[in-house]
Amino acid sequence: MPCFRPPLFGSAAEGRRVAGPSARAEGAVPVAQNSSDPAATPVATPAAAPDSAAVLTVLTTTDAGEKADALARGAVAARVAACAQISGPVTSVYRWRGEVVTEREWQVLFKTTAARFEALAEYLRAEHDYETPEIIATPVTHGDPTYLAWVVDETRPE
């Protein structure tokens, strides 16, 4: 399931997508061009984020799917992340206390804002059972403006 499912383009009541010149006239966002549909309008490169450093992806890992789910749900419930995707298991290879270790882990990728990063990091440190949890943030430099605005809205403290 995607992190955010925007409404269908065009008339949501009709449940259809709009393509071509009529899409612009109706104010809908064009769908990707299909070579079999010359009337379809090509989708432009995503715009730079309104505030390029405002939205971040934050990655952590844990050793069980249930723990990953608990971290994801807790962060979203606390509004320190708009959403999270869980992937795994993945194989992690790292050095720990002088030994090379190979472990099975689950990755959790959060979407948040720069303003909420410290709150998310604090949440992860408090709830994570690793001695040194991976907490790595990457700025989102480009993205769909509607999606980025959604991330900002969903991470505002209530």
C-alpha atoms as a PDB file:
ATOM      1  CA  MET A   1       0.000   0.000   0.000  1.00  0.00           C
ATOM      2  CA  PRO A   2       1.459   3.381  -0.910  1.00  0.00           C
ATOM      3  CA  CYS A   3       2.293   5.863   1.771  1.00  0.00           C
ATOM      4  CA  PHE A   4      -0.156   8.368   0.312  1.00  0.00           C
ATOM      5  CA  ARG A   5      -2.862   7.713  -2.196  1.00  0.00           C
ATOM      6  CA  PRO A   6      -3.943  10.963  -3.857  1.00  0.00           C
ATOM      7  CA  PRO A   7      -7.436  11.204  -5.315  1.00  0.00           C
ATOM      8  CA  LEU A   8      -7.887  10.131  -8.910  1.00  0.00           C
ATOM      9  CA  PHE A   9      -7.262  12.822 -11.461  1.00  0.00           C
ATOM     10  CA  GLY A  10     -10.286  14.425 -13.067  1.00  0.00           C
ATOM     11  CA  SER A  11     -13.657  13.757 -11.538  1.00  0.00           C
ATOM     12  CA  ALA A  12     -13.210  11.675  -8.413  1.00  0.00           C
ATOM     13  CA  ALA A  13     -16.936  10.926  -8.420  1.00  0.00           C
ATOM     14  CA  GLU A  14     -16.589   9.340 -11.849  1.00  0.00           C
ATOM     15  CA  GLY A  15     -13.427   7.476 -10.776  1.00  0.00           C
ATOM     16  CA  ARG A  16     -11.535   8.218 -13.975  1.00  0.00           C
ATOM     17  CA  ARG A  17      -8.197   9.589 -15.027  1.00  0.00           C
ATOM     18  CA  VAL A  18      -8.013  12.544 -17.412  1.00  0.00           C
ATOM     19  CA  ALA A  19      -5.420  12.843 -20.170  1.00  0.00           C
ATOM     20  CA  GLY A  20      -4.723  15.257 -22.966  1.00  0.00           C
ATOM     21  CA  PRO A  21      -5.693  18.880 -23.553  1.00  0.00           C
ATOM     22  CA  SER A  22      -9.061  18.505 -21.819  1.00  0.00           C
ATOM     23  CA  ALA A  23      -7.212  17.653 -18.600  1.00  0.00           C
ATOM     24  CA  ARG A  24      -5.617  21.076 -18.534  1.00  0.00           C
ATOM     25  CA  ALA A  25      -8.964  22.694 -19.262  1.00  0.00           C
ATOM     26  CA  GLU A  26     -10.543  20.848 -16.330  1.00  0.00           C
ATOM     27  CA  GLY A  27      -7.639  21.721 -14.031  1.00  0.00           C
ATOM     28  CA  ALA A  28      -6.608  18.098 -13.563  1.00  0.00           C
ATOM     29  CA  VAL A  29      -3.045  16.898 -13.363  1.00  0.00           C
ATOM     30  CA  PRO A  30      -2.078  15.117 -16.594  1.00  0.00           C
ATOM     31  CA  VAL A  31      -1.293  11.410 -16.598  1.00  0.00           C
ATOM     32  CA  ALA A  32       1.883   9.980 -18.099  1.00  0.00           C
ATOM     33  CA  GLN A  33       2.038   9.897 -21.861  1.00  0.00           C
ATOM     34  CA  ASN A  34       1.266   6.566 -23.423  1.00  0.00           C
ATOM     35  CA  SER A  35       2.727   5.934 -26.876  1.00  0.00           C
ATOM     36  CA  SER A  36      -0.610   4.458 -27.989  1.00  0.00           C
ATOM     37  CA  ASP A  37      -2.421   7.643 -26.886  1.00  0.00           C
ATOM     38  CA  PRO A  38      -0.911  10.657 -28.687  1.00  0.00           C
ATOM     39  CA  ALA A  39      -3.426  12.956 -26.958  1.00  0.00           C
ATOM     40  CA  ALA A  40      -1.985  12.178 -23.524  1.00  0.00           C
ATOM     41  CA  THR A  41       0.096  14.964 -22.031  1.00  0.00           C
ATOM     42  CA  PRO A  42       3.617  14.057 -20.855  1.00  0.00           C
ATOM     43  CA  VAL A  43       4.255  14.431 -17.136  1.00  0.00           C
ATOM     44  CA  ALA A  44       6.863  17.057 -16.298  1.00  0.00           C
ATOM     45  CA  THR A  45       9.831  16.434 -14.044  1.00  0.00           C
ATOM     46  CA  PRO A  46       8.721  16.852 -10.427  1.00  0.00           C
ATOM     47  CA  ALA A  47       9.187  20.383  -9.171  1.00  0.00           C
ATOM     48  CA  ALA A  48      11.730  21.244  -6.543  1.00  0.00           C
ATOM     49  CA  ALA A  49      10.282  20.940  -3.079  1.00  0.00           C
ATOM     50  CA  PRO A  50       8.707  24.201  -1.874  1.00  0.00           C
ATOM     51  CA  ASP A  51      11.391  24.286   0.788  1.00  0.00           C
ATOM     52  CA  SER A  52      13.949  21.784  -0.450  1.00  0.00           C
ATOM     53  CA  ALA A  53      15.178  20.927   3.031  1.00  0.00           C
ATOM     54  CA  ALA A  54      11.677  20.804   4.527  1.00  0.00           C
ATOM     55  CA  VAL A  55      10.926  17.144   3.745  1.00  0.00           C
ATOM     56  CA  LEU A  56      13.233  14.291   4.734  1.00  0.00           C
ATOM     57  CA  THR A  57      13.312  10.541   4.425  1.00  0.00           C
ATOM     58  CA  VAL A  58      14.652   8.896   7.570  1.00  0.00           C
ATOM     59  CA  LEU A  59      15.890   5.307   7.618  1.00  0.00           C
ATOM     60  CA  THR A  60      16.200   2.908  10.521  1.00  0.00           C
ATOM     61  CA  THR A  61      16.493  -0.869  10.811  1.00  0.00           C
ATOM     62  CA  THR A  62      15.377  -3.412  13.382  1.00  0.00           C
ATOM     63  CA  ASP A  63      15.629  -7.173  13.799  1.00  0.00           C
ATOM     64  CA  ALA A  64      11.942  -8.146  13.522  1.00  0.00           C
ATOM     65  CA  GLY A  65       8.982  -7.223  11.365  1.00  0.00           C
ATOM     66  CA  GLU A  66       6.772  -6.721  14.422  1.00  0.00           C
ATOM     67  CA  LYS A  67       9.268  -4.230  15.860  1.00  0.00           C
ATOM     68  CA  ALA A  68       9.407  -2.393  12.531  1.00  0.00           C
ATOM     69  CA  ASP A  69       5.609  -2.179  12.494  1.00  0.00           C
ATOM     70  CA  ALA A  70       5.524  -0.866  16.077  1.00  0.00           C
ATOM     71  CA  LEU A  71       8.142   1.805  15.299  1.00  0.00           C
ATOM     72  CA  ALA A  72       6.282   2.859  12.138  1.00  0.00           C
ATOM     73  CA  ARG A  73       2.840   3.000  13.750  1.00  0.00           C
ATOM     74  CA  GLY A  74       4.113   4.810  16.833  1.00  0.00           C
ATOM     75  CA  ALA A  75       5.906   7.479  14.804  1.00  0.00           C
ATOM     76  CA  VAL A  76       2.867   8.125  12.607  1.00  0.00           C
ATOM     77  CA  ALA A  77       0.527   8.185  15.627  1.00  0.00           C
ATOM     78  CA  ALA A  78       2.839  10.699  17.345  1.00  0.00           C
ATOM     79  CA  ARG A  79       2.879  12.810  14.140  1.00  0.00           C
ATOM     80  CA  VAL A  80       6.677  12.762  14.003  1.00  0.00           C
ATOM     81  CA  ALA A  81       6.366  11.014  10.617  1.00  0.00           C
ATOM     82  CA  ALA A  82       3.655  11.292   7.979  1.00  0.00           C
ATOM     83  CA  CYS A  83       4.092   7.681   6.937  1.00  0.00           C
ATOM     84  CA  ALA A  84       6.553   4.823   6.885  1.00  0.00           C
ATOM     85  CA  GLN A  85       7.321   1.911   4.606  1.00  0.00           C
ATOM     86  CA  ILE A  86       8.643  -1.356   5.966  1.00  0.00           C
ATOM     87  CA  SER A  87      10.889  -3.504   3.771  1.00  0.00           C
ATOM     88  CA  GLY A  88      12.409  -6.800   4.625  1.00  0.00           C
ATOM     89  CA  PRO A  89      13.869  -8.910   5.529  1.00  0.00           C
ATOM     90  CA  VAL A  90      17.132  -7.539   4.210  1.00  0.00           C
ATOM     91  CA  THR A  91      20.626  -8.783   4.929  1.00  0.00           C
ATOM     92  CA  SER A  92      22.828  -6.345   6.813  1.00  0.00           C
ATOM     93  CA  VAL A  93      26.578  -6.757   7.112  1.00  0.00           C
ATOM     94  CA  TYR A  94      28.386  -4.501   9.569  1.00  0.00           C
ATOM     95  CA  ARG A  95      31.218  -4.322  12.040  1.00  0.00           C
ATOM     96  CA  TRP A  96      30.125  -4.450  15.678  1.00  0.00           C
ATOM     97  CA  ARG A  97      32.549  -4.567  18.607  1.00  0.00           C
ATOM     98  CA  GLY A  98      35.427  -5.699  16.424  1.00  0.00           C
ATOM     99  CA  GLU A  99      33.537  -8.467  14.628  1.00  0.00           C
ATOM    100  CA  VAL A 100      31.965  -8.561  11.174  1.00  0.00           C
ATOM    101  CA  VAL A 101      28.325  -9.505  11.687  1.00  0.00           C
ATOM    102  CA  THR A 102      25.659 -10.589   9.191  1.00  0.00           C
ATOM    103  CA  GLU A 103      22.068 -10.235  10.378  1.00  0.00           C
ATOM    104  CA  ARG A 104      18.541 -10.293   9.002  1.00  0.00           C
ATOM    105  CA  GLU A 105      16.828  -6.923   9.498  1.00  0.00           C
ATOM    106  CA  TRP A 106      13.792  -4.916   8.450  1.00  0.00           C
ATOM    107  CA  GLN A 107      14.177  -1.382   7.129  1.00  0.00           C
ATOM    108  CA  VAL A 108      11.729   1.354   8.037  1.00  0.00           C
ATOM    109  CA  LEU A 109      11.720   4.442   5.815  1.00  0.00           C
ATOM    110  CA  PHE A 110       9.902   7.397   7.353  1.00  0.00           C
ATOM    111  CA  LYS A 111       8.761  10.631   5.652  1.00  0.00           C
ATOM    112  CA  THR A 112       8.991  13.670   7.904  1.00  0.00           C
ATOM    113  CA  THR A 113      10.088  17.296   7.900  1.00  0.00           C
ATOM    114  CA  ALA A 114      13.314  18.943   8.965  1.00  0.00           C
ATOM    115  CA  ALA A 115      11.339  20.662  11.717  1.00  0.00           C
ATOM    116  CA  ARG A 116      10.176  17.274  13.087  1.00  0.00           C
ATOM    117  CA  PHE A 117      13.440  15.349  12.583  1.00  0.00           C
ATOM    118  CA  GLU A 118      14.691  15.765  16.157  1.00  0.00           C
ATOM    119  CA  ALA A 119      11.332  14.636  17.545  1.00  0.00           C
ATOM    120  CA  LEU A 120      11.423  11.553  15.280  1.00  0.00           C
ATOM    121  CA  ALA A 121      15.036  10.799  16.222  1.00  0.00           C
ATOM    122  CA  GLU A 122      14.183  11.168  19.920  1.00  0.00           C
ATOM    123  CA  TYR A 123      11.204   8.830  19.475  1.00  0.00           C
ATOM    124  CA  LEU A 124      13.374   6.243  17.698  1.00  0.00           C
ATOM    125  CA  ARG A 125      16.107   6.400  20.357  1.00  0.00           C
ATOM    126  CA  ALA A 126      13.512   5.937  23.111  1.00  0.00           C
ATOM    127  CA  GLU A 127      11.527   3.128  21.446  1.00  0.00           C
ATOM    128  CA  HIS A 128      14.278   1.243  19.617  1.00  0.00           C
ATOM    129  CA  ASP A 129      15.889  -1.722  21.323  1.00  0.00           C
ATOM    130  CA  TYR A 130      19.257  -1.370  19.547  1.00  0.00           C
ATOM    131  CA  GLU A 131      22.095   0.132  21.557  1.00  0.00           C
ATOM    132  CA  THR A 132      23.030   2.260  18.537  1.00  0.00           C
ATOM    133  CA  PRO A 133      20.038   2.470  16.192  1.00  0.00           C
ATOM    134  CA  GLU A 134      20.532   3.548  12.614  1.00  0.00           C
ATOM    135  CA  ILE A 135      18.901   6.959  12.180  1.00  0.00           C
ATOM    136  CA  ILE A 136      19.885   8.477   8.833  1.00  0.00           C
ATOM    137  CA  ALA A 137      18.092  11.431   7.242  1.00  0.00           C
ATOM    138  CA  THR A 138      18.194  12.374   3.569  1.00  0.00           C
ATOM    139  CA  PRO A 139      16.687  15.626   2.278  1.00  0.00           C
ATOM    140  CA  VAL A 140      14.052  15.378  -0.452  1.00  0.00           C
ATOM    141  CA  THR A 141      15.171  17.823  -3.125  1.00  0.00           C
ATOM    142  CA  HIS A 142      12.379  17.196  -5.635  1.00  0.00           C
ATOM    143  CA  GLY A 143       8.911  15.743  -5.400  1.00  0.00           C
ATOM    144  CA  ASP A 144       5.269  16.159  -6.167  1.00  0.00           C
ATOM    145  CA  PRO A 145       4.171  19.401  -4.459  1.00  0.00           C
ATOM    146  CA  THR A 146       0.860  17.879  -3.335  1.00  0.00           C
ATOM    147  CA  TYR A 147       2.622  14.926  -1.706  1.00  0.00           C
ATOM    148  CA  LEU A 148       5.234  17.133  -0.039  1.00  0.00           C
ATOM    149  CA  ALA A 149       2.507  19.407   1.336  1.00  0.00           C
ATOM    150  CA  TRP A 150       0.745  16.314   2.677  1.00  0.00           C
ATOM    151  CA  VAL A 151       3.918  15.269   4.542  1.00  0.00           C
ATOM    152  CA  VAL A 152       4.154  18.745   6.078  1.00  0.00           C
ATOM    153  CA  ASP A 153       0.463  18.711   7.083  1.00  0.00           C
ATOM    154  CA  GLU A 154       0.595  15.228   8.620  1.00  0.00           C
ATOM    155  CA  THR A 155       3.621  16.012  10.780  1.00  0.00           C
ATOM    156  CA  ARG A 156       2.274  19.221  12.315  1.00  0.00           C
ATOM    157  CA  PRO A 157       1.856  18.779  16.058  1.00  0.00           C
ATOM    158  CA  GLU A 158      -1.801  18.779  17.099  1.00  0.00           C
END
